[in-house]
PDB file of all heavy atoms in Angstrom:
ATOM      1  N   LEU A   1       0.827  -1.211   0.000  1.00  0.00           N
ATOM      2  CA  LEU A   1       0.000   0.000   0.000  1.00  0.00           C
ATOM      3  C   LEU A   1       0.859   1.258   0.000  1.00  0.00           C
ATOM      4  O   LEU A   1       0.562   2.242  -0.690  1.00  0.00           O
ATOM      5  CB  LEU A   1      -0.930  -0.003   1.216  1.00  0.00           C
ATOM      6  CG  LEU A   1      -2.121  -0.962   1.177  1.00  0.00           C
ATOM      7  CD1 LEU A   1      -2.864  -0.939   2.514  1.00  0.00           C
ATOM      8  CD2 LEU A   1      -3.075  -0.590   0.041  1.00  0.00           C
ATOM      9  N   VAL A   2       1.932   1.260   0.797  1.00  0.00           N
ATOM     10  CA  VAL A   2       2.851   2.406   0.842  1.00  0.00           C
ATOM     11  C   VAL A   2       3.471   2.643  -0.527  1.00  0.00           C
ATOM     12  O   VAL A   2       3.539   3.785  -1.017  1.00  0.00           O
ATOM     13  CB  VAL A   2       3.935   2.182   1.917  1.00  0.00           C
ATOM     14  CG1 VAL A   2       5.027   3.253   1.800  1.00  0.00           C
ATOM     15  CG2 VAL A   2       3.333   2.202   3.312  1.00  0.00           C
ATOM     16  N   ASP A   3       3.904   1.567  -1.180  1.00  0.00           N
ATOM     17  CA  ASP A   3       4.511   1.699  -2.511  1.00  0.00           C
ATOM     18  C   ASP A   3       3.492   2.180  -3.537  1.00  0.00           C
ATOM     19  O   ASP A   3       3.822   2.972  -4.434  1.00  0.00           O
ATOM     20  CB  ASP A   3       5.101   0.354  -2.949  1.00  0.00           C
ATOM     21  CG  ASP A   3       6.343  -0.019  -2.153  1.00  0.00           C
ATOM     22  OD1 ASP A   3       6.935   0.890  -1.533  1.00  0.00           O
ATOM     23  OD2 ASP A   3       6.712  -1.214  -2.148  1.00  0.00           O
ATOM     24  N   GLN A   4       2.264   1.696  -3.411  1.00  0.00           N
ATOM     25  CA  GLN A   4       1.210   2.103  -4.353  1.00  0.00           C
ATOM     26  C   GLN A   4       0.971   3.609  -4.291  1.00  0.00           C
ATOM     27  O   GLN A   4       0.885   4.282  -5.327  1.00  0.00           O
ATOM     28  CB  GLN A   4      -0.090   1.358  -4.033  1.00  0.00           C
ATOM     29  CG  GLN A   4      -1.287   1.808  -4.857  1.00  0.00           C
ATOM     30  CD  GLN A   4      -2.587   1.205  -4.349  1.00  0.00           C
ATOM     31  OE1 GLN A   4      -2.585   0.125  -3.763  1.00  0.00           O
ATOM     32  NE2 GLN A   4      -3.691   1.907  -4.563  1.00  0.00           N
ATOM     33  N   VAL A   5       0.864   4.141  -3.081  1.00  0.00           N
ATOM     34  CA  VAL A   5       0.647   5.582  -2.914  1.00  0.00           C
ATOM     35  C   VAL A   5       1.833   6.363  -3.468  1.00  0.00           C
ATOM     36  O   VAL A   5       1.660   7.378  -4.161  1.00  0.00           O
ATOM     37  CB  VAL A   5       0.408   5.927  -1.432  1.00  0.00           C
ATOM     38  CG1 VAL A   5       0.369   7.448  -1.229  1.00  0.00           C
ATOM     39  CG2 VAL A   5      -0.889   5.304  -0.934  1.00  0.00           C
ATOM     40  N   SER A   6       3.031   5.913  -3.207  1.00  0.00           N
ATOM     41  CA  SER A   6       4.235   6.600  -3.680  1.00  0.00           C
ATOM     42  C   SER A   6       4.306   6.589  -5.202  1.00  0.00           C
ATOM     43  O   SER A   6       4.674   7.593  -5.828  1.00  0.00           O
ATOM     44  CB  SER A   6       5.489   5.951  -3.083  1.00  0.00           C
ATOM     45  OG  SER A   6       5.490   6.072  -1.677  1.00  0.00           O
ATOM     46  N   ARG A   7       3.951   5.443  -5.820  1.00  0.00           N
ATOM     47  CA  ARG A   7       3.996   5.355  -7.278  1.00  0.00           C
ATOM     48  C   ARG A   7       3.022   6.329  -7.928  1.00  0.00           C
ATOM     49  O   ARG A   7       3.274   6.836  -9.022  1.00  0.00           O
ATOM     50  CB  ARG A   7       3.655   3.922  -7.726  1.00  0.00           C
ATOM     51  CG  ARG A   7       4.795   2.941  -7.632  1.00  0.00           C
ATOM     52  CD  ARG A   7       4.498   1.679  -8.436  1.00  0.00           C
ATOM     53  NE  ARG A   7       3.213   1.080  -8.085  1.00  0.00           N
ATOM     54  CZ  ARG A   7       3.038   0.202  -7.111  1.00  0.00           C
ATOM     55  NH1 ARG A   7       4.085  -0.182  -6.372  1.00  0.00           N
ATOM     56  NH2 ARG A   7       1.846  -0.313  -6.864  1.00  0.00           N
ATOM     57  N   GLU A   8       1.918   6.583  -7.265  1.00  0.00           N
ATOM     58  CA  GLU A   8       0.902   7.477  -7.816  1.00  0.00           C
ATOM     59  C   GLU A   8       1.181   8.943  -7.501  1.00  0.00           C
ATOM     60  O   GLU A   8       0.350   9.815  -7.785  1.00  0.00           O
ATOM     61  CB  GLU A   8      -0.476   7.078  -7.277  1.00  0.00           C
ATOM     62  CG  GLU A   8      -0.929   5.708  -7.762  1.00  0.00           C
ATOM     63  CD  GLU A   8      -2.241   5.272  -7.128  1.00  0.00           C
ATOM     64  OE1 GLU A   8      -2.820   6.083  -6.364  1.00  0.00           O
ATOM     65  OE2 GLU A   8      -2.685   4.142  -7.393  1.00  0.00           O
ATOM     66  N   GLY A   9       2.351   9.209  -6.910  1.00  0.00           N
ATOM     67  CA  GLY A   9       2.736  10.591  -6.644  1.00  0.00           C
ATOM     68  C   GLY A   9       2.235  11.147  -5.344  1.00  0.00           C
ATOM     69  O   GLY A   9       2.347  12.350  -5.088  1.00  0.00           O
ATOM     70  N   GLY A  10       1.659  10.285  -4.485  1.00  0.00           N
ATOM     71  CA  GLY A  10       1.156  10.747  -3.201  1.00  0.00           C
ATOM     72  C   GLY A  10       2.152  10.536  -2.077  1.00  0.00           C
ATOM     73  O   GLY A  10       3.254  10.013  -2.288  1.00  0.00           O
ATOM     74  N   THR A  11       1.757  10.971  -0.899  1.00  0.00           N
ATOM     75  CA  THR A  11       2.568  10.775   0.306  1.00  0.00           C
ATOM     76  C   THR A  11       1.820   9.819   1.236  1.00  0.00           C
ATOM     77  O   THR A  11       0.691  10.122   1.644  1.00  0.00           O
ATOM     78  CB  THR A  11       2.814  12.109   1.026  1.00  0.00           C
ATOM     79  OG1 THR A  11       3.501  12.986   0.148  1.00  0.00           O
ATOM     80  CG2 THR A  11       3.644  11.890   2.284  1.00  0.00           C
ATOM     81  N   PRO A  12       2.405   8.642   1.572  1.00  0.00           N
ATOM     82  CA  PRO A  12       1.711   7.693   2.442  1.00  0.00           C
ATOM     83  C   PRO A  12       1.965   7.995   3.918  1.00  0.00           C
ATOM     84  O   PRO A  12       3.092   8.244   4.336  1.00  0.00           O
ATOM     85  CB  PRO A  12       2.329   6.354   2.042  1.00  0.00           C
ATOM     86  CG  PRO A  12       3.708   6.699   1.590  1.00  0.00           C
ATOM     87  CD  PRO A  12       3.651   8.093   1.021  1.00  0.00           C
ATOM     88  N   LEU A  13       0.905   8.012   4.697  1.00  0.00           N
ATOM     89  CA  LEU A  13       1.003   8.065   6.152  1.00  0.00           C
ATOM     90  C   LEU A  13       0.370   6.789   6.697  1.00  0.00           C
ATOM     91  O   LEU A  13      -0.731   6.405   6.262  1.00  0.00           O
ATOM     92  CB  LEU A  13       0.271   9.285   6.720  1.00  0.00           C
ATOM     93  CG  LEU A  13       0.813  10.666   6.342  1.00  0.00           C
ATOM     94  CD1 LEU A  13      -0.026  11.745   7.017  1.00  0.00           C
ATOM     95  CD2 LEU A  13       2.268  10.814   6.717  1.00  0.00           C
ATOM     96  N   VAL A  14       1.047   6.156   7.628  1.00  0.00           N
ATOM     97  CA  VAL A  14       0.569   4.885   8.172  1.00  0.00           C
ATOM     98  C   VAL A  14      -0.136   5.125   9.498  1.00  0.00           C
ATOM     99  O   VAL A  14       0.313   5.933  10.321  1.00  0.00           O
ATOM    100  CB  VAL A  14       1.740   3.893   8.344  1.00  0.00           C
ATOM    101  CG1 VAL A  14       1.274   2.615   9.043  1.00  0.00           C
ATOM    102  CG2 VAL A  14       2.342   3.568   6.981  1.00  0.00           C
ATOM    103  N   VAL A  15      -1.260   4.404   9.709  1.00  0.00           N
ATOM    104  CA  VAL A  15      -2.012   4.469  10.960  1.00  0.00           C
ATOM    105  C   VAL A  15      -1.898   3.110  11.655  1.00  0.00           C
ATOM    106  O   VAL A  15      -2.106   2.060  11.024  1.00  0.00           O
ATOM    107  CB  VAL A  15      -3.496   4.801  10.709  1.00  0.00           C
ATOM    108  CG1 VAL A  15      -4.256   4.890  12.042  1.00  0.00           C
ATOM    109  CG2 VAL A  15      -3.628   6.105   9.943  1.00  0.00           C
ATOM    110  N   ALA A  16      -1.564   3.125  12.944  1.00  0.00           N
ATOM    111  CA  ALA A  16      -1.408   1.869  13.702  1.00  0.00           C
ATOM    112  C   ALA A  16      -1.999   2.027  15.093  1.00  0.00           C
ATOM    113  O   ALA A  16      -2.196   3.153  15.582  1.00  0.00           O
ATOM    114  CB  ALA A  16       0.068   1.493  13.784  1.00  0.00           C
ATOM    115  N   GLU A  17      -2.282   0.889  15.735  1.00  0.00           N
ATOM    116  CA  GLU A  17      -2.800   0.924  17.101  1.00  0.00           C
ATOM    117  C   GLU A  17      -2.161  -0.192  17.932  1.00  0.00           C
ATOM    118  O   GLU A  17      -1.683  -1.202  17.382  1.00  0.00           O
ATOM    119  CB  GLU A  17      -4.320   0.771  17.105  1.00  0.00           C
ATOM    120  CG  GLU A  17      -4.820  -0.576  16.638  1.00  0.00           C
ATOM    121  CD  GLU A  17      -6.337  -0.729  16.766  1.00  0.00           C
ATOM    122  OE1 GLU A  17      -6.980   0.219  17.266  1.00  0.00           O
ATOM    123  OE2 GLU A  17      -6.863  -1.773  16.352  1.00  0.00           O
ATOM    124  N   HIS A  18      -2.168   0.027  19.263  1.00  0.00           N
ATOM    125  CA  HIS A  18      -1.615  -0.974  20.184  1.00  0.00           C
ATOM    126  C   HIS A  18      -2.428  -0.942  21.467  1.00  0.00           C
ATOM    127  O   HIS A  18      -2.478   0.085  22.150  1.00  0.00           O
ATOM    128  CB  HIS A  18      -0.140  -0.680  20.474  1.00  0.00           C
ATOM    129  CG  HIS A  18       0.474  -1.635  21.438  1.00  0.00           C
ATOM    130  ND1 HIS A  18       1.400  -1.247  22.385  1.00  0.00           N
ATOM    131  CD2 HIS A  18       0.283  -2.972  21.633  1.00  0.00           C
ATOM    132  CE1 HIS A  18       1.762  -2.298  23.100  1.00  0.00           C
ATOM    133  NE2 HIS A  18       1.094  -3.366  22.665  1.00  0.00           N
ATOM    134  N   GLN A  19      -3.055  -2.067  21.777  1.00  0.00           N
ATOM    135  CA  GLN A  19      -3.827  -2.221  23.006  1.00  0.00           C
ATOM    136  C   GLN A  19      -3.005  -3.064  23.977  1.00  0.00           C
ATOM    137  O   GLN A  19      -2.391  -4.054  23.582  1.00  0.00           O
ATOM    138  CB  GLN A  19      -5.150  -2.927  22.710  1.00  0.00           C
ATOM    139  CG  GLN A  19      -6.060  -3.085  23.901  1.00  0.00           C
ATOM    140  CD  GLN A  19      -6.911  -1.850  24.155  1.00  0.00           C
ATOM    141  OE1 GLN A  19      -7.279  -1.143  23.228  1.00  0.00           O
ATOM    142  NE2 GLN A  19      -7.185  -1.573  25.422  1.00  0.00           N
ATOM    143  N   ASP A  20      -2.983  -2.624  25.245  1.00  0.00           N
ATOM    144  CA  ASP A  20      -2.249  -3.414  26.243  1.00  0.00           C
ATOM    145  C   ASP A  20      -2.686  -4.875  26.188  1.00  0.00           C
ATOM    146  O   ASP A  20      -3.896  -5.183  26.136  1.00  0.00           O
ATOM    147  CB  ASP A  20      -2.505  -2.869  27.648  1.00  0.00           C
ATOM    148  CG  ASP A  20      -1.645  -1.655  27.968  1.00  0.00           C
ATOM    149  OD1 ASP A  20      -0.767  -1.338  27.153  1.00  0.00           O
ATOM    150  OD2 ASP A  20      -1.878  -1.018  29.023  1.00  0.00           O
ATOM    151  N   GLY A  21      -1.706  -5.734  26.176  1.00  0.00           N
ATOM    152  CA  GLY A  21      -1.995  -7.158  26.166  1.00  0.00           C
ATOM    153  C   GLY A  21      -2.187  -7.726  24.784  1.00  0.00           C
ATOM    154  O   GLY A  21      -2.392  -8.940  24.639  1.00  0.00           O
ATOM    155  N   GLU A  22      -2.141  -6.863  23.757  1.00  0.00           N
ATOM    156  CA  GLU A  22      -2.294  -7.336  22.381  1.00  0.00           C
ATOM    157  C   GLU A  22      -1.082  -6.920  21.552  1.00  0.00           C
ATOM    158  O   GLU A  22      -0.279  -6.085  21.973  1.00  0.00           O
ATOM    159  CB  GLU A  22      -3.574  -6.765  21.758  1.00  0.00           C
ATOM    160  CG  GLU A  22      -4.848  -7.186  22.461  1.00  0.00           C
ATOM    161  CD  GLU A  22      -6.085  -6.593  21.806  1.00  0.00           C
ATOM    162  OE1 GLU A  22      -5.934  -5.969  20.720  1.00  0.00           O
ATOM    163  OE2 GLU A  22      -7.190  -6.718  22.367  1.00  0.00           O
ATOM    164  N   THR A  23      -0.975  -7.488  20.357  1.00  0.00           N
ATOM    165  CA  THR A  23       0.129  -7.155  19.460  1.00  0.00           C
ATOM    166  C   THR A  23      -0.215  -5.893  18.674  1.00  0.00           C
ATOM    167  O   THR A  23      -1.341  -5.744  18.177  1.00  0.00           O
ATOM    168  CB  THR A  23       0.395  -8.311  18.473  1.00  0.00           C
ATOM    169  OG1 THR A  23       0.679  -9.493  19.225  1.00  0.00           O
ATOM    170  CG2 THR A  23       1.563  -7.990  17.564  1.00  0.00           C
ATOM    171  N   ALA A  24       0.724  -4.983  18.577  1.00  0.00           N
ATOM    172  CA  ALA A  24       0.516  -3.772  17.776  1.00  0.00           C
ATOM    173  C   ALA A  24       0.286  -4.152  16.314  1.00  0.00           C
ATOM    174  O   ALA A  24       0.875  -5.107  15.810  1.00  0.00           O
ATOM    175  CB  ALA A  24       1.720  -2.852  17.902  1.00  0.00           C
ATOM    176  N   ARG A  25      -0.580  -3.402  15.672  1.00  0.00           N
ATOM    177  CA  ARG A  25      -0.854  -3.711  14.268  1.00  0.00           C
ATOM    178  C   ARG A  25      -1.083  -2.429  13.470  1.00  0.00           C
ATOM    179  O   ARG A  25      -1.478  -1.390  14.008  1.00  0.00           O
ATOM    180  CB  ARG A  25      -2.084  -4.609  14.157  1.00  0.00           C
ATOM    181  CG  ARG A  25      -3.376  -3.957  14.645  1.00  0.00           C
ATOM    182  CD  ARG A  25      -4.590  -4.766  14.290  1.00  0.00           C
ATOM    183  NE  ARG A  25      -5.828  -4.116  14.730  1.00  0.00           N
ATOM    184  CZ  ARG A  25      -7.035  -4.425  14.244  1.00  0.00           C
ATOM    185  NH1 ARG A  25      -7.159  -5.358  13.311  1.00  0.00           N
ATOM    186  NH2 ARG A  25      -8.106  -3.802  14.703  1.00  0.00           N
ATOM    187  N   VAL A  26      -0.829  -2.552  12.148  1.00  0.00           N
ATOM    188  CA  VAL A  26      -1.093  -1.448  11.219  1.00  0.00           C
ATOM    189  C   VAL A  26      -2.527  -1.561  10.738  1.00  0.00           C
ATOM    190  O   VAL A  26      -2.975  -2.644  10.325  1.00  0.00           O
ATOM    191  CB  VAL A  26      -0.127  -1.487  10.020  1.00  0.00           C
ATOM    192  CG1 VAL A  26      -0.534  -0.453   8.975  1.00  0.00           C
ATOM    193  CG2 VAL A  26       1.295  -1.229  10.474  1.00  0.00           C
ATOM    194  N   LEU A  27      -3.271  -0.447  10.792  1.00  0.00           N
ATOM    195  CA  LEU A  27      -4.663  -0.434  10.343  1.00  0.00           C
ATOM    196  C   LEU A  27      -4.801  -0.101   8.864  1.00  0.00           C
ATOM    197  O   LEU A  27      -5.731  -0.569   8.199  1.00  0.00           O
ATOM    198  CB  LEU A  27      -5.463   0.579  11.166  1.00  0.00           C
ATOM    199  CG  LEU A  27      -5.507   0.338  12.680  1.00  0.00           C
ATOM    200  CD1 LEU A  27      -6.279   1.461  13.363  1.00  0.00           C
ATOM    201  CD2 LEU A  27      -6.124  -1.019  12.997  1.00  0.00           C
ATOM    202  N   GLY A  28      -3.896   0.737   8.370  1.00  0.00           N
ATOM    203  CA  GLY A  28      -3.986   1.109   6.964  1.00  0.00           C
ATOM    204  C   GLY A  28      -3.109   2.311   6.644  1.00  0.00           C
ATOM    205  O   GLY A  28      -2.267   2.726   7.456  1.00  0.00           O
ATOM    206  N   VAL A  29      -3.332   2.846   5.460  1.00  0.00           N
ATOM    207  CA  VAL A  29      -2.501   3.942   4.942  1.00  0.00           C
ATOM    208  C   VAL A  29      -3.393   5.121   4.534  1.00  0.00           C
ATOM    209  O   VAL A  29      -4.451   4.925   3.917  1.00  0.00           O
ATOM    210  CB  VAL A  29      -1.670   3.467   3.727  1.00  0.00           C
ATOM    211  CG1 VAL A  29      -0.903   4.631   3.113  1.00  0.00           C
ATOM    212  CG2 VAL A  29      -0.715   2.357   4.141  1.00  0.00           C
ATOM    213  N   ILE A  30      -2.981   6.296   4.919  1.00  0.00           N
ATOM    214  CA  ILE A  30      -3.653   7.535   4.480  1.00  0.00           C
ATOM    215  C   ILE A  30      -2.948   8.033   3.231  1.00  0.00           C
ATOM    216  O   ILE A  30      -1.719   8.170   3.207  1.00  0.00           O
ATOM    217  CB  ILE A  30      -3.599   8.615   5.578  1.00  0.00           C
ATOM    218  CG1 ILE A  30      -4.297   8.128   6.846  1.00  0.00           C
ATOM    219  CG2 ILE A  30      -4.228   9.914   5.074  1.00  0.00           C
ATOM    220  CD1 ILE A  30      -4.098   9.070   8.026  1.00  0.00           C
ATOM    221  N   TYR A  31      -3.719   8.296   2.192  1.00  0.00           N
ATOM    222  CA  TYR A  31      -3.175   8.803   0.923  1.00  0.00           C
ATOM    223  C   TYR A  31      -3.226  10.331   0.969  1.00  0.00           C
ATOM    224  O   TYR A  31      -4.284  10.939   0.872  1.00  0.00           O
ATOM    225  CB  TYR A  31      -4.012   8.273  -0.232  1.00  0.00           C
ATOM    226  CG  TYR A  31      -3.472   8.529  -1.619  1.00  0.00           C
ATOM    227  CD1 TYR A  31      -3.772   7.661  -2.663  1.00  0.00           C
ATOM    228  CD2 TYR A  31      -2.685   9.636  -1.926  1.00  0.00           C
ATOM    229  CE1 TYR A  31      -3.309   7.873  -3.948  1.00  0.00           C
ATOM    230  CE2 TYR A  31      -2.207   9.862  -3.196  1.00  0.00           C
ATOM    231  CZ  TYR A  31      -2.531   8.976  -4.215  1.00  0.00           C
ATOM    232  OH  TYR A  31      -2.056   9.199  -5.484  1.00  0.00           O
ATOM    233  N   LEU A  32      -2.056  10.973   1.158  1.00  0.00           N
ATOM    234  CA  LEU A  32      -1.957  12.438   1.095  1.00  0.00           C
ATOM    235  C   LEU A  32      -1.580  12.832  -0.323  1.00  0.00           C
ATOM    236  O   LEU A  32      -0.597  12.328  -0.877  1.00  0.00           O
ATOM    237  CB  LEU A  32      -0.897  12.961   2.059  1.00  0.00           C
ATOM    238  CG  LEU A  32      -1.227  12.990   3.557  1.00  0.00           C
ATOM    239  CD1 LEU A  32      -0.068  13.623   4.309  1.00  0.00           C
ATOM    240  CD2 LEU A  32      -2.502  13.738   3.837  1.00  0.00           C
TER     241      LEU A  32
END
């Protein structure tokens, strides 16, 4: 997803979350 946004001339921002007791994960990419 990051590469896709970059190829299209955009700026990728990544959104992630981490809950105590769980594994941190990436939710997705914001296309700027």
